[in-house]
Amino acid sequence: MNPDFRRFAGRFVRFLAPLALMLVVWEAAELFVLPINAFTFRPWEALVVVGGTDHFPGPFYPNRTLEATETGDLGHDTSRAVPKHTVWRTDDYGFRNTPDSPPPYDIVVVGDSFTVGTSLTQGDTLPVQLSQLTGRAVYGYAPRELNVFLADNRFLTRSPRVVVLAMFERSVPCLPSPAKIPPSTLEGTKRWAQGSPTLKCLWVLEDRLLKQPFLNRLRSRSVKSANPNGAILTGPWLFYTEDLNPGELPVALAAQVAERLLGYRDWLAQRGIQFIFMPIPKKESVYWKWRPDGRKPRVLAQVMEAAARAGIRTVDLPAAFDRAALDPKVTLYQTDDTHWSPEGVRIAADLLCGEIKHLK
């Protein structure tokens, strides 16, 4: 080997060694010393699984309790951020439910981040509120698609009486068709159940390493944008720019969504489960007068009309929110977030409770 190259290589290794040691020490501190949410603006990012479902049974780390002060997804790291004290608890399967609420469950709410309760404390989430109003055991199965629920062995032997599909307006046009998913999709549930405590701990550490929360935090703070977090300020609200899209659906697409809802209803009926569809409107659809175009989107109205023609039992949350929004004292959404407020959740839970009571 060339002597000059050997000297260069030696200097290069000596230069990198302290940096590598600092990186190892930093990663160790991040994993074993600092709180799990030290560099995240909300518990969702701290607890969510990012490395896939090979080892994990659900969307979040199982059996966790995290108390934190979080800010909204539209306002974090800006002067519009509103700090909120929240408590998060996940169950044995990594869903945001109280661990000491065992099956069987009378009602399962399948949904997205609205059902999870982003920026809400545990007691203000939809499953908890609905359980308190109905006096029945309610399980939040979110964020997950209905097809995954249909394949979950936990609910094949002990089916709930009612399944609620609570779906955010942005996702409604993309509702997937009813389909049997491959068994590998739920392989993580089996592996987690069979894993030792030590192995489970290693899986969580590995997933946390993949997140690189400190680097992501630095990156988000270094990016300068006229619309930070994809938000624009209009009146008292932060709106998400991607939710200001035109508010009409092709007639064929609305009919397709209704057809897929009908397919889910029939699949559930074969197992003796009653189905309720509850679309959740966007903030930009409820407070449409603050939109730059001043137009009220009709996406959910179109879908609900098609669903009604198909005979789908539907909760008209958009109409209830429109009525409630007329009262200036009522705030249905968080000002710094895309998601609903505790008041919005209570209205939704009350409507669902009334609908469930009418079921045979």
Protein backbone atom coordinates (compact mmCIF):
# COMPACT_ATOMS: atom_id res chain seq x y z
CA MET A 1 0.00 0.00 0.00
CA ASN A 2 1.26 3.48 -0.84
CA PRO A 3 2.74 5.14 2.32
CA ASP A 4 1.06 8.46 1.52
CA PHE A 5 -2.33 6.75 1.23
CA ARG A 6 -1.77 4.92 4.52
CA ARG A 7 -0.99 8.21 6.27
CA PHE A 8 -4.08 9.83 4.74
CA ALA A 9 -6.26 6.89 5.76
CA GLY A 10 -4.91 7.04 9.32
CA ARG A 11 -5.66 10.76 9.61
CA PHE A 12 -9.12 10.24 8.15
CA VAL A 13 -9.96 7.47 10.65
CA ARG A 14 -8.66 9.60 13.55
CA PHE A 15 -10.83 12.47 12.31
CA LEU A 16 -13.96 10.31 12.05
CA ALA A 17 -13.51 8.37 15.27
CA PRO A 18 -14.58 11.21 17.64
CA LEU A 19 -17.56 12.00 15.41
CA ALA A 20 -18.63 8.37 15.37
CA LEU A 21 -18.25 8.17 19.15
CA MET A 22 -20.33 11.32 19.58
CA LEU A 23 -23.02 9.84 17.34
CA VAL A 24 -23.11 6.60 19.34
CA VAL A 25 -23.29 8.50 22.64
CA TRP A 26 -26.04 10.74 21.27
CA GLU A 27 -28.12 7.84 20.00
CA ALA A 28 -27.69 6.07 23.34
CA ALA A 29 -28.85 9.18 25.19
CA GLU A 30 -31.83 9.54 22.87
CA LEU A 31 -32.87 5.91 23.44
CA PHE A 32 -32.07 5.38 27.12
CA VAL A 33 -31.88 8.78 28.84
CA LEU A 34 -34.16 11.32 27.17
CA PRO A 35 -37.98 10.99 27.17
CA ILE A 36 -39.40 9.19 24.15
CA ASN A 37 -41.07 12.45 23.03
CA ALA A 38 -38.08 14.74 23.64
CA PHE A 39 -37.92 15.86 19.98
CA THR A 40 -41.51 15.38 18.78
CA PHE A 41 -44.26 17.98 18.86
CA ARG A 42 -46.94 15.44 19.81
CA PRO A 43 -47.17 11.86 21.17
CA TRP A 44 -48.28 10.49 17.79
CA GLU A 45 -44.77 10.85 16.33
CA ALA A 46 -43.20 9.51 19.53
CA LEU A 47 -45.32 6.33 19.69
CA VAL A 48 -46.18 5.53 16.06
CA VAL A 49 -44.55 2.52 14.42
CA VAL A 50 -42.55 3.49 11.31
CA GLY A 51 -40.70 0.27 10.51
CA GLY A 52 -43.69 -1.69 9.23
CA THR A 53 -45.85 -4.37 10.82
CA ASP A 54 -43.37 -7.26 10.80
CA HIS A 55 -43.10 -7.25 14.59
CA PHE A 56 -45.86 -4.95 15.84
CA PRO A 57 -49.56 -5.79 16.19
CA GLY A 58 -50.85 -2.24 15.77
CA PRO A 59 -50.02 1.31 14.71
CA PHE A 60 -48.37 2.39 17.99
CA TYR A 61 -46.02 0.88 20.55
CA PRO A 62 -48.08 -1.43 22.80
CA ASN A 63 -48.66 -0.86 26.51
CA ARG A 64 -47.44 2.71 26.68
CA THR A 65 -48.55 5.66 28.78
CA LEU A 66 -47.29 9.06 27.74
CA GLU A 67 -48.17 12.39 29.31
CA ALA A 68 -47.13 15.39 27.26
CA THR A 69 -47.78 18.95 26.14
CA GLU A 70 -48.43 18.87 22.42
CA THR A 71 -49.27 21.36 19.68
CA GLY A 72 -51.29 21.04 16.49
CA ASP A 73 -50.09 19.62 13.19
CA LEU A 74 -50.68 22.98 11.45
CA GLY A 75 -49.29 25.31 14.09
CA HIS A 76 -46.34 23.54 15.70
CA ASP A 77 -43.13 25.56 15.82
CA THR A 78 -45.04 28.75 14.94
CA SER A 79 -46.54 31.61 16.92
CA ARG A 80 -50.00 30.10 16.27
CA ALA A 81 -49.26 26.93 18.26
CA VAL A 82 -51.69 26.20 21.11
CA PRO A 83 -50.16 23.99 23.84
CA LYS A 84 -52.45 21.19 25.02
CA HIS A 85 -51.80 18.84 27.94
CA THR A 86 -52.65 15.29 26.88
CA VAL A 87 -52.37 11.74 28.17
CA TRP A 88 -51.95 8.86 25.73
CA ARG A 89 -52.40 5.18 26.62
CA THR A 90 -52.05 2.23 24.28
CA ASP A 91 -53.24 -1.34 24.82
CA ASP A 92 -51.61 -4.75 24.33
CA TYR A 93 -52.12 -4.46 20.56
CA GLY A 94 -50.77 -0.95 20.06
CA PHE A 95 -54.11 0.84 19.65
CA ARG A 96 -55.05 3.91 21.66
CA ASN A 97 -57.35 2.25 24.15
CA THR A 98 -57.23 1.83 27.89
CA PRO A 99 -55.32 -1.41 28.56
CA ASP A 100 -57.67 -2.43 31.38
CA SER A 101 -60.72 -2.54 29.08
CA PRO A 102 -60.81 -6.23 28.09
CA PRO A 103 -62.91 -7.79 25.30
CA PRO A 104 -65.53 -8.55 24.21
CA TYR A 105 -66.50 -5.20 22.75
CA ASP A 106 -70.03 -4.16 21.84
CA ILE A 107 -68.90 -1.43 19.45
CA VAL A 108 -65.74 -1.04 17.35
CA VAL A 109 -64.93 2.32 15.77
CA VAL A 110 -62.73 1.84 12.70
CA GLY A 111 -61.17 5.10 11.62
CA ASP A 112 -58.19 7.37 11.17
CA SER A 113 -56.39 10.05 13.17
CA PHE A 114 -59.73 11.58 14.19
CA THR A 115 -60.70 8.35 15.96
CA VAL A 116 -57.23 8.09 17.51
CA GLY A 117 -57.71 11.59 18.90
CA THR A 118 -54.76 13.62 17.70
CA SER A 119 -54.13 16.55 20.08
CA LEU A 120 -56.80 15.23 22.46
CA THR A 121 -56.29 13.68 25.85
CA GLN A 122 -57.47 10.08 26.25
CA GLY A 123 -60.77 10.94 27.92
CA ASP A 124 -61.81 13.23 25.05
CA THR A 125 -61.39 10.66 22.28
CA LEU A 126 -64.39 9.37 20.36
CA PRO A 127 -64.29 5.75 21.65
CA VAL A 128 -64.13 6.92 25.29
CA GLN A 129 -66.91 9.48 24.84
CA LEU A 130 -69.11 6.97 23.03
CA SER A 131 -68.55 4.37 25.74
CA GLN A 132 -69.57 6.82 28.44
CA LEU A 133 -72.77 7.79 26.59
CA THR A 134 -73.86 4.27 25.64
CA GLY A 135 -72.63 2.45 28.74
CA ARG A 136 -71.09 -0.17 26.43
CA ALA A 137 -67.55 -1.37 25.76
CA VAL A 138 -66.14 0.54 22.76
CA TYR A 139 -62.86 -0.24 21.01
CA GLY A 140 -60.97 2.27 18.87
CA TYR A 141 -59.43 0.48 15.87
CA ALA A 142 -57.43 3.28 14.33
CA PRO A 143 -55.69 4.22 12.20
CA ARG A 144 -56.70 1.15 10.22
CA GLU A 145 -58.73 0.24 7.15
CA LEU A 146 -61.92 -1.75 7.49
CA ASN A 147 -60.41 -4.60 5.47
CA VAL A 148 -57.78 -5.10 8.19
CA PHE A 149 -60.48 -5.26 10.85
CA LEU A 150 -62.36 -7.87 8.83
CA ALA A 151 -59.26 -10.08 8.84
CA ASP A 152 -58.32 -9.58 12.50
CA ASN A 153 -58.68 -12.88 14.38
CA ARG A 154 -59.52 -11.05 17.59
CA PHE A 155 -62.90 -10.10 16.18
CA LEU A 156 -63.63 -13.25 14.20
CA THR A 157 -64.48 -15.34 17.25
CA ARG A 158 -65.99 -12.53 19.33
CA SER A 159 -67.58 -10.11 16.92
CA PRO A 160 -68.88 -6.74 18.10
CA ARG A 161 -72.54 -5.89 17.75
CA VAL A 162 -71.83 -2.67 15.84
CA VAL A 163 -68.97 -1.42 13.64
CA VAL A 164 -68.72 2.31 12.98
CA LEU A 165 -66.64 3.51 10.04
CA ALA A 166 -65.62 7.06 11.03
CA MET A 167 -63.90 8.46 7.97
CA PHE A 168 -62.35 11.87 7.33
CA GLU A 169 -63.64 13.75 4.29
CA ARG A 170 -60.24 13.82 2.59
CA SER A 171 -60.11 10.00 2.63
CA VAL A 172 -63.71 9.23 1.65
CA PRO A 173 -63.18 9.34 -2.14
CA CYS A 174 -60.26 6.89 -1.70
CA LEU A 175 -62.25 4.28 0.25
CA PRO A 176 -60.80 0.90 -0.80
CA SER A 177 -62.97 -1.92 -2.07
CA PRO A 178 -63.87 -4.72 0.33
CA ALA A 179 -61.20 -7.38 -0.11
CA LYS A 180 -59.53 -10.23 1.70
CA ILE A 181 -56.09 -9.08 2.73
CA PRO A 182 -53.08 -11.44 2.79
CA PRO A 183 -52.38 -13.11 6.17
CA SER A 184 -48.91 -11.53 6.22
CA THR A 185 -50.57 -8.15 6.88
CA LEU A 186 -51.37 -9.27 10.42
CA GLU A 187 -48.22 -11.34 10.96
CA GLY A 188 -46.96 -8.75 13.45
CA THR A 189 -49.74 -9.66 15.89
CA LYS A 190 -48.56 -13.26 16.06
CA ARG A 191 -44.87 -12.35 16.34
CA TRP A 192 -45.52 -9.83 19.10
CA ALA A 193 -47.57 -12.33 21.09
CA GLN A 194 -44.80 -14.94 20.78
CA GLY A 195 -41.91 -12.55 21.45
CA SER A 196 -40.09 -12.41 24.77
CA PRO A 197 -40.04 -9.13 26.79
CA THR A 198 -36.39 -8.62 25.78
CA LEU A 199 -37.16 -9.12 22.10
CA LYS A 200 -40.09 -6.72 22.26
CA CYS A 201 -37.86 -4.09 23.82
CA LEU A 202 -35.29 -4.54 21.05
CA TRP A 203 -37.97 -4.19 18.37
CA VAL A 204 -39.10 -0.88 19.86
CA LEU A 205 -35.51 0.39 20.11
CA GLU A 206 -34.89 -0.56 16.49
CA ASP A 207 -38.00 1.27 15.36
CA ARG A 208 -37.09 4.36 17.36
CA LEU A 209 -33.64 4.39 15.73
CA LEU A 210 -35.30 4.45 12.31
CA LYS A 211 -37.25 7.60 13.21
CA GLN A 212 -34.26 9.87 13.88
CA PRO A 213 -36.48 12.34 15.77
CA PHE A 214 -33.70 14.82 16.54
CA LEU A 215 -32.64 15.10 12.90
CA ASN A 216 -36.26 15.41 11.79
CA ARG A 217 -36.79 18.15 14.34
CA LEU A 218 -33.74 20.05 13.09
CA ARG A 219 -34.91 19.64 9.51
CA SER A 220 -38.41 20.93 10.21
CA ARG A 221 -37.11 23.97 12.07
CA SER A 222 -34.59 24.82 9.36
CA VAL A 223 -37.14 24.87 6.54
CA LYS A 224 -38.43 28.37 5.88
CA SER A 225 -41.75 28.57 4.08
CA ALA A 226 -44.48 31.08 3.43
CA ASN A 227 -46.91 28.34 4.50
CA PRO A 228 -45.23 26.47 7.37
CA ASN A 229 -46.65 22.97 7.96
CA GLY A 230 -48.67 23.39 4.76
CA ALA A 231 -51.01 25.83 6.50
CA ILE A 232 -52.43 29.25 5.73
CA LEU A 233 -53.99 31.63 8.22
CA THR A 234 -57.45 32.86 7.29
CA GLY A 235 -59.41 34.71 9.95
CA PRO A 236 -59.09 32.83 13.27
CA TRP A 237 -58.24 29.53 11.58
CA LEU A 238 -55.22 27.73 10.26
CA PHE A 239 -56.36 25.83 7.17
CA TYR A 240 -54.47 23.02 5.49
CA THR A 241 -53.75 24.13 1.93
CA GLU A 242 -54.36 20.66 0.46
CA ASP A 243 -57.85 20.66 1.98
CA LEU A 244 -58.80 23.79 0.03
CA ASN A 245 -59.23 21.76 -3.14
CA PRO A 246 -62.41 22.06 -5.24
CA GLY A 247 -65.36 20.59 -3.41
CA GLU A 248 -67.12 18.47 -6.03
CA LEU A 249 -66.93 14.78 -6.87
CA PRO A 250 -67.75 13.16 -10.21
CA VAL A 251 -71.14 11.50 -9.90
CA ALA A 252 -69.61 8.13 -10.77
CA LEU A 253 -67.06 8.41 -7.94
CA ALA A 254 -69.73 9.18 -5.34
CA ALA A 255 -71.70 6.15 -6.56
CA GLN A 256 -68.55 4.03 -6.34
CA VAL A 257 -68.00 5.01 -2.71
CA ALA A 258 -71.61 4.09 -1.90
CA GLU A 259 -71.18 0.75 -3.65
CA ARG A 260 -68.10 -0.02 -1.58
CA LEU A 261 -69.88 0.95 1.62
CA LEU A 262 -72.65 -1.43 0.65
CA GLY A 263 -70.06 -4.17 0.18
CA TYR A 264 -68.70 -3.61 3.68
CA ARG A 265 -72.19 -3.59 5.15
CA ASP A 266 -72.98 -6.93 3.53
CA TRP A 267 -69.70 -8.53 4.65
CA LEU A 268 -70.33 -7.42 8.22
CA ALA A 269 -73.96 -8.54 8.09
CA GLN A 270 -72.77 -12.07 7.29
CA ARG A 271 -71.13 -12.06 10.71
CA GLY A 272 -74.14 -10.57 12.46
CA ILE A 273 -72.56 -7.11 12.77
CA GLN A 274 -74.50 -3.92 12.11
CA PHE A 275 -72.73 -1.17 10.16
CA ILE A 276 -72.82 2.61 10.58
CA PHE A 277 -71.00 5.08 8.35
CA MET A 278 -70.04 8.45 9.85
CA PRO A 279 -68.17 10.83 7.53
CA ILE A 280 -66.18 13.53 9.33
CA PRO A 281 -66.05 16.88 7.52
CA LYS A 282 -62.90 18.93 7.07
CA LYS A 283 -62.48 22.12 9.03
CA GLU A 284 -62.41 23.90 5.68
CA SER A 285 -65.86 22.48 4.82
CA VAL A 286 -67.52 23.53 8.07
CA TYR A 287 -65.97 26.98 8.29
CA TRP A 288 -66.17 27.44 4.53
CA LYS A 289 -66.92 31.17 4.77
CA TRP A 290 -63.29 31.66 5.73
CA ARG A 291 -62.03 29.80 2.66
CA PRO A 292 -60.26 32.00 0.09
CA ASP A 293 -62.80 30.93 -2.56
CA GLY A 294 -65.79 31.35 -0.19
CA ARG A 295 -67.35 28.10 -1.47
CA LYS A 296 -68.77 25.24 0.57
CA PRO A 297 -67.51 21.85 -0.66
CA ARG A 298 -70.18 19.27 -1.52
CA VAL A 299 -68.09 16.09 -1.39
CA LEU A 300 -69.74 14.63 1.70
CA ALA A 301 -73.22 15.76 0.64
CA GLN A 302 -72.77 13.86 -2.65
CA VAL A 303 -71.48 10.74 -0.91
CA MET A 304 -74.24 10.79 1.71
CA GLU A 305 -76.92 11.17 -0.94
CA ALA A 306 -75.49 8.17 -2.79
CA ALA A 307 -75.19 6.20 0.46
CA ALA A 308 -78.80 6.96 1.37
CA ARG A 309 -79.98 5.66 -2.02
CA ALA A 310 -77.98 2.48 -1.36
CA GLY A 311 -79.61 2.02 2.04
CA ILE A 312 -76.48 2.64 4.13
CA ARG A 313 -77.13 3.67 7.73
CA THR A 314 -75.32 7.02 7.94
CA VAL A 315 -74.77 9.58 10.68
CA ASP A 316 -75.17 13.09 9.29
CA LEU A 317 -72.31 14.70 11.18
CA PRO A 318 -71.72 17.37 8.50
CA ALA A 319 -75.23 18.79 9.02
CA ALA A 320 -74.83 18.71 12.81
CA PHE A 321 -71.51 20.54 12.55
CA ASP A 322 -73.01 23.13 10.20
CA ARG A 323 -75.71 23.87 12.78
CA ALA A 324 -73.26 23.98 15.68
CA ALA A 325 -70.88 26.28 13.76
CA LEU A 326 -73.54 28.99 13.71
CA ASP A 327 -72.89 29.49 17.43
CA PRO A 328 -69.72 31.63 17.77
CA LYS A 329 -69.14 30.18 21.25
CA VAL A 330 -68.76 26.66 19.86
CA THR A 331 -65.38 25.65 18.45
CA LEU A 332 -65.60 22.35 16.59
CA TYR A 333 -61.96 22.13 15.52
CA GLN A 334 -58.66 23.09 17.05
CA THR A 335 -57.40 26.36 15.69
CA ASP A 336 -53.85 25.06 15.15
CA ASP A 337 -54.74 21.58 13.94
CA THR A 338 -56.69 19.79 11.21
CA HIS A 339 -58.53 17.71 13.82
CA TRP A 340 -61.66 18.22 15.86
CA SER A 341 -61.92 19.68 19.35
CA PRO A 342 -63.43 17.99 22.43
CA GLU A 343 -66.70 19.75 21.62
CA GLY A 344 -66.70 18.33 18.11
CA VAL A 345 -66.08 14.84 19.51
CA ARG A 346 -68.98 15.18 21.96
CA ILE A 347 -71.39 16.11 19.17
CA ALA A 348 -70.24 13.13 17.10
CA ALA A 349 -70.50 10.75 20.07
CA ASP A 350 -73.99 12.01 20.90
CA LEU A 351 -75.20 11.46 17.32
CA LEU A 352 -73.68 7.97 17.23
CA CYS A 353 -75.23 7.12 20.57
CA GLY A 354 -78.67 8.08 19.26
CA GLU A 355 -78.16 6.04 16.10
CA ILE A 356 -77.00 2.97 18.02
CA LYS A 357 -80.01 3.12 20.33
CA HIS A 358 -82.28 2.83 17.28
CA LEU A 359 -80.62 -0.37 16.11
CA LYS A 360 -82.59 -3.57 16.55
